[in-house]
C-alpha atoms as a PDB file:
ATOM      1  CA  UNK A   1     -16.072 -44.674  31.197  1.00  0.00           C
ATOM      2  CA  UNK A   2     -17.419 -44.357  27.638  1.00  0.00           C
ATOM      3  CA  UNK A   3     -16.966 -47.276  25.292  1.00  0.00           C
ATOM      4  CA  UNK A   4     -19.513 -46.656  22.551  1.00  0.00           C
ATOM      5  CA  UNK A   5     -17.359 -44.256  20.513  1.00  0.00           C
ATOM      6  CA  UNK A   6     -14.291 -46.518  20.442  1.00  0.00           C
ATOM      7  CA  UNK A   7     -13.375 -49.384  18.180  1.00  0.00           C
ATOM      8  CA  UNK A   8     -13.311 -52.912  19.666  1.00  0.00           C
ATOM      9  CA  UNK A   9      -9.497 -52.948  19.527  1.00  0.00           C
ATOM     10  CA  UNK A  10      -9.289 -49.624  21.416  1.00  0.00           C
ATOM     11  CA  UNK A  11     -11.664 -50.965  24.053  1.00  0.00           C
ATOM     12  CA  UNK A  12      -9.608 -54.126  24.459  1.00  0.00           C
ATOM     13  CA  UNK A  13      -6.359 -52.249  24.929  1.00  0.00           C
ATOM     14  CA  UNK A  14      -7.855 -49.875  27.491  1.00  0.00           C
ATOM     15  CA  UNK A  15      -9.442 -52.671  29.511  1.00  0.00           C
ATOM     16  CA  UNK A  16      -6.341 -54.802  29.583  1.00  0.00           C
ATOM     17  CA  UNK A  17      -4.079 -51.964  30.710  1.00  0.00           C
ATOM     18  CA  UNK A  18      -6.094 -50.907  33.748  1.00  0.00           C
ATOM     19  CA  UNK A  19      -4.666 -53.594  36.071  1.00  0.00           C
ATOM     20  CA  UNK A  20      -1.461 -55.566  35.728  1.00  0.00           C
ATOM     21  CA  UNK A  21      -0.870 -58.881  37.456  1.00  0.00           C
ATOM     22  CA  UNK A  22       2.769 -60.064  37.430  1.00  0.00           C
ATOM     23  CA  UNK A  23       3.551 -63.289  35.606  1.00  0.00           C
ATOM     24  CA  UNK A  24       6.733 -65.061  34.595  1.00  0.00           C
ATOM     25  CA  UNK A  25       7.156 -66.494  31.139  1.00  0.00           C
ATOM     26  CA  UNK A  26       6.160 -65.815  27.577  1.00  0.00           C
ATOM     27  CA  UNK A  27       2.878 -64.599  26.217  1.00  0.00           C
ATOM     28  CA  UNK A  28       0.017 -66.929  27.103  1.00  0.00           C
ATOM     29  CA  UNK A  29      -3.415 -67.843  25.813  1.00  0.00           C
ATOM     30  CA  UNK A  30      -6.711 -67.770  27.652  1.00  0.00           C
ATOM     31  CA  UNK A  31      -6.423 -71.546  27.916  1.00  0.00           C
ATOM     32  CA  UNK A  32      -3.355 -70.989  30.139  1.00  0.00           C
ATOM     33  CA  UNK A  33      -5.483 -69.209  32.758  1.00  0.00           C
ATOM     34  CA  UNK A  34      -6.507 -71.442  35.669  1.00  0.00           C
ATOM     35  CA  UNK A  35      -9.672 -69.830  37.046  1.00  0.00           C
ATOM     36  CA  UNK A  36     -11.119 -70.951  40.356  1.00  0.00           C
ATOM     37  CA  UNK A  37     -13.968 -73.261  39.358  1.00  0.00           C
ATOM     38  CA  UNK A  38     -16.842 -72.002  41.515  1.00  0.00           C
ATOM     39  CA  UNK A  39     -16.410 -68.241  40.872  1.00  0.00           C
ATOM     40  CA  UNK A  40     -15.858 -68.781  37.146  1.00  0.00           C
ATOM     41  CA  UNK A  41     -18.884 -71.029  36.643  1.00  0.00           C
ATOM     42  CA  UNK A  42     -20.953 -68.906  39.027  1.00  0.00           C
ATOM     43  CA  UNK A  43     -20.376 -65.819  36.912  1.00  0.00           C
ATOM     44  CA  UNK A  44     -20.955 -67.775  33.693  1.00  0.00           C
ATOM     45  CA  UNK A  45     -24.265 -69.081  35.034  1.00  0.00           C
ATOM     46  CA  UNK A  46     -25.401 -65.594  36.032  1.00  0.00           C
ATOM     47  CA  UNK A  47     -24.616 -64.277  32.555  1.00  0.00           C
ATOM     48  CA  UNK A  48     -26.394 -67.185  30.861  1.00  0.00           C
ATOM     49  CA  UNK A  49     -29.486 -66.584  32.976  1.00  0.00           C
ATOM     50  CA  UNK A  50     -29.462 -62.934  31.909  1.00  0.00           C
ATOM     51  CA  UNK A  51     -29.391 -64.090  28.275  1.00  0.00           C
ATOM     52  CA  UNK A  52     -32.355 -66.369  28.979  1.00  0.00           C
ATOM     53  CA  UNK A  53     -34.275 -63.461  30.506  1.00  0.00           C
ATOM     54  CA  UNK A  54     -33.323 -61.105  27.685  1.00  0.00           C
ATOM     55  CA  UNK A  55     -34.364 -63.604  25.017  1.00  0.00           C
ATOM     56  CA  UNK A  56     -37.664 -64.049  26.847  1.00  0.00           C
ATOM     57  CA  UNK A  57     -38.337 -60.302  26.775  1.00  0.00           C
ATOM     58  CA  UNK A  58     -37.462 -60.172  23.068  1.00  0.00           C
ATOM     59  CA  UNK A  59     -39.849 -63.072  22.452  1.00  0.00           C
ATOM     60  CA  UNK A  60     -42.694 -61.166  24.131  1.00  0.00           C
ATOM     61  CA  UNK A  61     -42.091 -58.162  21.854  1.00  0.00           C
ATOM     62  CA  UNK A  62     -41.445 -60.115  18.638  1.00  0.00           C
ATOM     63  CA  UNK A  63     -43.293 -58.625  15.644  1.00  0.00           C
ATOM     64  CA  UNK A  64     -44.176 -61.935  13.963  1.00  0.00           C
ATOM     65  CA  UNK A  65     -45.013 -65.528  14.749  1.00  0.00           C
ATOM     66  CA  UNK A  66     -41.840 -66.631  12.957  1.00  0.00           C
ATOM     67  CA  UNK A  67     -39.743 -64.367  15.178  1.00  0.00           C
ATOM     68  CA  UNK A  68     -41.485 -65.683  18.285  1.00  0.00           C
ATOM     69  CA  UNK A  69     -40.740 -69.274  17.292  1.00  0.00           C
ATOM     70  CA  UNK A  70     -37.075 -68.472  16.607  1.00  0.00           C
ATOM     71  CA  UNK A  71     -36.664 -66.656  19.915  1.00  0.00           C
ATOM     72  CA  UNK A  72     -38.302 -69.530  21.761  1.00  0.00           C
ATOM     73  CA  UNK A  73     -35.428 -71.647  20.436  1.00  0.00           C
ATOM     74  CA  UNK A  74     -32.927 -69.043  21.656  1.00  0.00           C
ATOM     75  CA  UNK A  75     -34.496 -69.195  25.125  1.00  0.00           C
ATOM     76  CA  UNK A  76     -34.340 -72.995  25.102  1.00  0.00           C
ATOM     77  CA  UNK A  77     -30.685 -73.118  24.016  1.00  0.00           C
ATOM     78  CA  UNK A  78     -29.484 -70.713  26.701  1.00  0.00           C
ATOM     79  CA  UNK A  79     -31.694 -72.239  29.393  1.00  0.00           C
ATOM     80  CA  UNK A  80     -30.265 -75.681  28.615  1.00  0.00           C
ATOM     81  CA  UNK A  81     -26.745 -74.275  28.794  1.00  0.00           C
ATOM     82  CA  UNK A  82     -27.492 -72.580  32.106  1.00  0.00           C
ATOM     83  CA  UNK A  83     -28.744 -75.903  33.444  1.00  0.00           C
ATOM     84  CA  UNK A  84     -25.450 -77.561  32.536  1.00  0.00           C
ATOM     85  CA  UNK A  85     -23.490 -74.812  34.289  1.00  0.00           C
ATOM     86  CA  UNK A  86     -25.677 -75.226  37.379  1.00  0.00           C
ATOM     87  CA  UNK A  87     -24.986 -78.975  37.345  1.00  0.00           C
ATOM     88  CA  UNK A  88     -21.239 -78.252  37.591  1.00  0.00           C
ATOM     89  CA  UNK A  89     -21.824 -76.090  40.660  1.00  0.00           C
ATOM     90  CA  UNK A  90     -24.132 -78.624  42.287  1.00  0.00           C
ATOM     91  CA  UNK A  91     -21.286 -81.155  42.224  1.00  0.00           C
ATOM     92  CA  UNK A  92     -19.204 -78.772  44.352  1.00  0.00           C
ATOM     93  CA  UNK A  93     -19.616 -77.884  48.027  1.00  0.00           C
ATOM     94  CA  UNK A  94     -21.701 -74.789  47.264  1.00  0.00           C
ATOM     95  CA  UNK A  95     -25.092 -73.614  46.071  1.00  0.00           C
ATOM     96  CA  UNK A  96     -25.752 -71.902  42.755  1.00  0.00           C
ATOM     97  CA  UNK A  97     -26.897 -68.821  44.660  1.00  0.00           C
ATOM     98  CA  UNK A  98     -23.691 -68.596  46.669  1.00  0.00           C
ATOM     99  CA  UNK A  99     -21.619 -69.080  43.513  1.00  0.00           C
ATOM    100  CA  UNK A 100     -23.405 -66.318  41.602  1.00  0.00           C
ATOM    101  CA  UNK A 101     -23.727 -63.856  44.485  1.00  0.00           C
ATOM    102  CA  UNK A 102     -20.242 -62.217  44.279  1.00  0.00           C
ATOM    103  CA  UNK A 103     -21.050 -61.228  40.683  1.00  0.00           C
ATOM    104  CA  UNK A 104     -24.693 -60.263  41.215  1.00  0.00           C
ATOM    105  CA  UNK A 105     -24.155 -56.501  41.175  1.00  0.00           C
ATOM    106  CA  UNK A 106     -21.857 -56.504  38.143  1.00  0.00           C
ATOM    107  CA  UNK A 107     -24.193 -58.848  36.261  1.00  0.00           C
ATOM    108  CA  UNK A 108     -27.196 -56.637  37.028  1.00  0.00           C
ATOM    109  CA  UNK A 109     -25.292 -53.557  35.847  1.00  0.00           C
ATOM    110  CA  UNK A 110     -24.315 -55.425  32.701  1.00  0.00           C
ATOM    111  CA  UNK A 111     -27.940 -56.426  32.053  1.00  0.00           C
ATOM    112  CA  UNK A 112     -29.012 -52.783  32.283  1.00  0.00           C
ATOM    113  CA  UNK A 113     -26.183 -51.652  30.005  1.00  0.00           C
ATOM    114  CA  UNK A 114     -27.162 -54.056  27.208  1.00  0.00           C
ATOM    115  CA  UNK A 115     -30.945 -53.619  27.491  1.00  0.00           C
ATOM    116  CA  UNK A 116     -31.330 -51.642  24.266  1.00  0.00           C
ATOM    117  CA  UNK A 117     -33.811 -48.957  23.260  1.00  0.00           C
ATOM    118  CA  UNK A 118     -36.107 -51.204  21.209  1.00  0.00           C
ATOM    119  CA  UNK A 119     -36.623 -54.749  19.953  1.00  0.00           C
ATOM    120  CA  UNK A 120     -33.959 -54.407  17.261  1.00  0.00           C
ATOM    121  CA  UNK A 121     -31.292 -53.392  19.755  1.00  0.00           C
ATOM    122  CA  UNK A 122     -32.362 -56.186  22.089  1.00  0.00           C
ATOM    123  CA  UNK A 123     -31.945 -58.653  19.237  1.00  0.00           C
ATOM    124  CA  UNK A 124     -28.459 -57.398  18.364  1.00  0.00           C
ATOM    125  CA  UNK A 125     -27.482 -57.452  22.045  1.00  0.00           C
ATOM    126  CA  UNK A 126     -28.413 -61.133  22.229  1.00  0.00           C
ATOM    127  CA  UNK A 127     -26.349 -61.846  19.125  1.00  0.00           C
ATOM    128  CA  UNK A 128     -23.253 -59.851  20.120  1.00  0.00           C
ATOM    129  CA  UNK A 129     -23.149 -60.797  23.794  1.00  0.00           C
ATOM    130  CA  UNK A 130     -23.896 -64.496  23.336  1.00  0.00           C
ATOM    131  CA  UNK A 131     -21.279 -64.769  20.581  1.00  0.00           C
ATOM    132  CA  UNK A 132     -18.539 -63.019  22.552  1.00  0.00           C
ATOM    133  CA  UNK A 133     -19.243 -64.921  25.761  1.00  0.00           C
ATOM    134  CA  UNK A 134     -19.483 -68.256  23.962  1.00  0.00           C
ATOM    135  CA  UNK A 135     -16.067 -67.730  22.358  1.00  0.00           C
ATOM    136  CA  UNK A 136     -14.588 -66.557  25.661  1.00  0.00           C
ATOM    137  CA  UNK A 137     -15.914 -69.455  27.740  1.00  0.00           C
ATOM    138  CA  UNK A 138     -14.743 -71.987  25.148  1.00  0.00           C
ATOM    139  CA  UNK A 139     -11.275 -70.387  25.142  1.00  0.00           C
ATOM    140  CA  UNK A 140     -10.887 -70.392  28.923  1.00  0.00           C
ATOM    141  CA  UNK A 141     -12.629 -73.705  29.770  1.00  0.00           C
ATOM    142  CA  UNK A 142      -9.454 -75.805  29.219  1.00  0.00           C
ATOM    143  CA  UNK A 143      -8.092 -74.248  32.420  1.00  0.00           C
ATOM    144  CA  UNK A 144     -10.826 -75.945  34.472  1.00  0.00           C
ATOM    145  CA  UNK A 145     -10.570 -79.439  36.008  1.00  0.00           C
ATOM    146  CA  UNK A 146     -10.951 -82.067  33.279  1.00  0.00           C
ATOM    147  CA  UNK A 147     -14.397 -83.406  34.208  1.00  0.00           C
ATOM    148  CA  UNK A 148     -15.824 -79.917  34.622  1.00  0.00           C
ATOM    149  CA  UNK A 149     -14.302 -78.581  31.433  1.00  0.00           C
ATOM    150  CA  UNK A 150     -15.888 -81.480  29.530  1.00  0.00           C
ATOM    151  CA  UNK A 151     -19.330 -80.542  30.859  1.00  0.00           C
ATOM    152  CA  UNK A 152     -18.786 -76.859  30.075  1.00  0.00           C
ATOM    153  CA  UNK A 153     -17.487 -77.483  26.562  1.00  0.00           C
ATOM    154  CA  UNK A 154     -20.311 -79.887  25.707  1.00  0.00           C
ATOM    155  CA  UNK A 155     -22.818 -77.285  26.852  1.00  0.00           C
ATOM    156  CA  UNK A 156     -21.130 -74.529  24.847  1.00  0.00           C
ATOM    157  CA  UNK A 157     -20.534 -76.502  21.651  1.00  0.00           C
ATOM    158  CA  UNK A 158     -23.594 -78.720  21.421  1.00  0.00           C
ATOM    159  CA  UNK A 159     -25.948 -76.021  20.137  1.00  0.00           C
ATOM    160  CA  UNK A 160     -25.746 -72.303  19.381  1.00  0.00           C
ATOM    161  CA  UNK A 161     -28.380 -69.602  18.978  1.00  0.00           C
ATOM    162  CA  UNK A 162     -26.245 -67.938  16.289  1.00  0.00           C
ATOM    163  CA  UNK A 163     -28.237 -69.140  13.276  1.00  0.00           C
ATOM    164  CA  UNK A 164     -31.606 -68.122  14.710  1.00  0.00           C
ATOM    165  CA  UNK A 165     -30.372 -64.641  15.618  1.00  0.00           C
ATOM    166  CA  UNK A 166     -28.624 -64.036  12.298  1.00  0.00           C
ATOM    167  CA  UNK A 167     -31.786 -64.874  10.351  1.00  0.00           C
ATOM    168  CA  UNK A 168     -33.885 -62.544  12.504  1.00  0.00           C
ATOM    169  CA  UNK A 169     -31.365 -59.717  12.242  1.00  0.00           C
ATOM    170  CA  UNK A 170     -31.071 -60.020   8.471  1.00  0.00           C
ATOM    171  CA  UNK A 171     -34.833 -59.723   8.065  1.00  0.00           C
ATOM    172  CA  UNK A 172     -34.887 -56.716  10.404  1.00  0.00           C
ATOM    173  CA  UNK A 173     -31.993 -54.909   8.710  1.00  0.00           C
ATOM    174  CA  UNK A 174     -33.245 -55.559   5.178  1.00  0.00           C
ATOM    175  CA  UNK A 175     -36.766 -54.433   6.047  1.00  0.00           C
ATOM    176  CA  UNK A 176     -35.945 -51.320   8.068  1.00  0.00           C
ATOM    177  CA  UNK A 177     -34.273 -48.383   6.255  1.00  0.00           C
ATOM    178  CA  UNK A 178     -31.313 -46.748   8.017  1.00  0.00           C
ATOM    179  CA  UNK A 179     -31.346 -49.332  10.812  1.00  0.00           C
ATOM    180  CA  UNK A 180     -27.861 -50.633  10.013  1.00  0.00           C
ATOM    181  CA  UNK A 181     -26.005 -47.438  11.032  1.00  0.00           C
ATOM    182  CA  UNK A 182     -27.675 -47.347  14.438  1.00  0.00           C
ATOM    183  CA  UNK A 183     -27.089 -51.048  14.946  1.00  0.00           C
ATOM    184  CA  UNK A 184     -23.389 -50.733  14.114  1.00  0.00           C
ATOM    185  CA  UNK A 185     -22.938 -48.051  16.799  1.00  0.00           C
ATOM    186  CA  UNK A 186     -24.894 -50.146  19.320  1.00  0.00           C
ATOM    187  CA  UNK A 187     -22.758 -53.164  18.490  1.00  0.00           C
ATOM    188  CA  UNK A 188     -19.548 -51.296  19.333  1.00  0.00           C
ATOM    189  CA  UNK A 189     -20.930 -50.315  22.718  1.00  0.00           C
ATOM    190  CA  UNK A 190     -21.952 -53.907  23.441  1.00  0.00           C
ATOM    191  CA  UNK A 191     -18.392 -55.112  22.828  1.00  0.00           C
ATOM    192  CA  UNK A 192     -16.989 -52.850  25.530  1.00  0.00           C
ATOM    193  CA  UNK A 193     -19.581 -53.849  28.105  1.00  0.00           C
ATOM    194  CA  UNK A 194     -19.084 -57.549  27.388  1.00  0.00           C
ATOM    195  CA  UNK A 195     -15.297 -57.315  27.548  1.00  0.00           C
ATOM    196  CA  UNK A 196     -15.658 -55.923  31.063  1.00  0.00           C
ATOM    197  CA  UNK A 197     -17.355 -59.176  32.071  1.00  0.00           C
ATOM    198  CA  UNK A 198     -14.537 -61.219  30.519  1.00  0.00           C
ATOM    199  CA  UNK A 199     -11.986 -59.115  32.371  1.00  0.00           C
ATOM    200  CA  UNK A 200     -13.861 -59.763  35.618  1.00  0.00           C
ATOM    201  CA  UNK A 201     -13.864 -63.510  34.914  1.00  0.00           C
ATOM    202  CA  UNK A 202     -10.085 -63.544  34.498  1.00  0.00           C
ATOM    203  CA  UNK A 203      -9.276 -61.389  37.537  1.00  0.00           C
ATOM    204  CA  UNK A 204     -12.044 -62.274  39.970  1.00  0.00           C
ATOM    205  CA  UNK A 205     -14.528 -60.032  41.793  1.00  0.00           C
ATOM    206  CA  UNK A 206     -11.941 -58.591  44.177  1.00  0.00           C
ATOM    207  CA  UNK A 207      -8.225 -57.871  44.530  1.00  0.00           C
ATOM    208  CA  UNK A 208      -7.085 -61.382  45.440  1.00  0.00           C
ATOM    209  CA  UNK A 209      -3.695 -61.148  43.746  1.00  0.00           C
ATOM    210  CA  UNK A 210      -4.192 -64.436  41.895  1.00  0.00           C
ATOM    211  CA  UNK A 211      -1.254 -65.245  39.623  1.00  0.00           C
ATOM    212  CA  UNK A 212      -3.104 -64.966  36.323  1.00  0.00           C
ATOM    213  CA  UNK A 213      -1.319 -63.861  33.158  1.00  0.00           C
ATOM    214  CA  UNK A 214      -0.797 -60.133  32.772  1.00  0.00           C
ATOM    215  CA  UNK A 215      -3.233 -58.180  30.629  1.00  0.00           C
ATOM    216  CA  UNK A 216      -0.552 -57.313  28.086  1.00  0.00           C
ATOM    217  CA  UNK A 217       0.109 -61.002  27.506  1.00  0.00           C
ATOM    218  CA  UNK A 218      -3.606 -61.731  27.251  1.00  0.00           C
ATOM    219  CA  UNK A 219      -4.359 -58.924  24.798  1.00  0.00           C
ATOM    220  CA  UNK A 220      -3.817 -61.053  21.660  1.00  0.00           C
ATOM    221  CA  UNK A 221      -6.225 -63.680  22.994  1.00  0.00           C
ATOM    222  CA  UNK A 222      -8.917 -61.083  23.601  1.00  0.00           C
ATOM    223  CA  UNK A 223      -8.239 -59.629  20.167  1.00  0.00           C
ATOM    224  CA  UNK A 224      -8.920 -63.059  18.654  1.00  0.00           C
ATOM    225  CA  UNK A 225     -12.338 -63.062  20.314  1.00  0.00           C
ATOM    226  CA  UNK A 226     -13.051 -59.548  19.034  1.00  0.00           C
ATOM    227  CA  UNK A 227     -11.941 -60.625  15.541  1.00  0.00           C
ATOM    228  CA  UNK A 228     -14.521 -63.417  15.573  1.00  0.00           C
ATOM    229  CA  UNK A 229     -17.128 -60.862  16.612  1.00  0.00           C
ATOM    230  CA  UNK A 230     -16.088 -58.634  13.707  1.00  0.00           C
ATOM    231  CA  UNK A 231     -16.626 -61.495  11.266  1.00  0.00           C
ATOM    232  CA  UNK A 232     -20.112 -62.051  12.676  1.00  0.00           C
ATOM    233  CA  UNK A 233     -20.934 -58.363  12.229  1.00  0.00           C
ATOM    234  CA  UNK A 234     -19.584 -58.464   8.675  1.00  0.00           C
ATOM    235  CA  UNK A 235     -21.919 -61.381   8.034  1.00  0.00           C
ATOM    236  CA  UNK A 236     -24.780 -58.988   8.787  1.00  0.00           C
ATOM    237  CA  UNK A 237     -23.362 -56.163   6.694  1.00  0.00           C
ATOM    238  CA  UNK A 238     -22.598 -54.104   9.798  1.00  0.00           C
ATOM    239  CA  UNK A 239     -19.313 -52.353  10.514  1.00  0.00           C
ATOM    240  CA  UNK A 240     -17.946 -53.761  13.789  1.00  0.00           C
END
């Protein structure tokens, strides 16, 4: 399915209409979803580790010492967050490998989809994906057991790579003619690929029939996350 030539809102609507899970009651928020702890955190950990790896590759290709230093901070922030997620899993009767394994194929496919053609696209992928996932995990974490949600929220809110990535992207866009148009198109594609991972987090890796809210009822919550992404793109002078 092609996502790169659609707006974020179009992508959201298409994703959320593909499968419908019955639910009784009024429209709900992501915080009303009660995800199973181990699968949810297992997927989140796998995605965070991909961000660590991606930031590491961007660091290796960075064109300046300043960019290398900034990306080292991005690696540190996401590695620390991944460690916190792993700690949640270690307190359960499972291993981090077992928790991540059901999502391994989808996470690997996602990593390939967001790889980017050059350093600039890698940088924007880090910015877009980390921002969307951060907002999503914060929105859904209240559905976890209290102790675990506290650990997750502290990890997500304590420090963000946003500032480092924005500064790097501004320098790149201002110093590279005609880069912004290409980056805007790439950003739209990244939204679709990342929303697929959010959809998987809500519905699980298989057809379990869990009583999660229907996609129609969740659409406004996903739109809120996309709206935050749009504001971040506007901050860079890109059309989301």
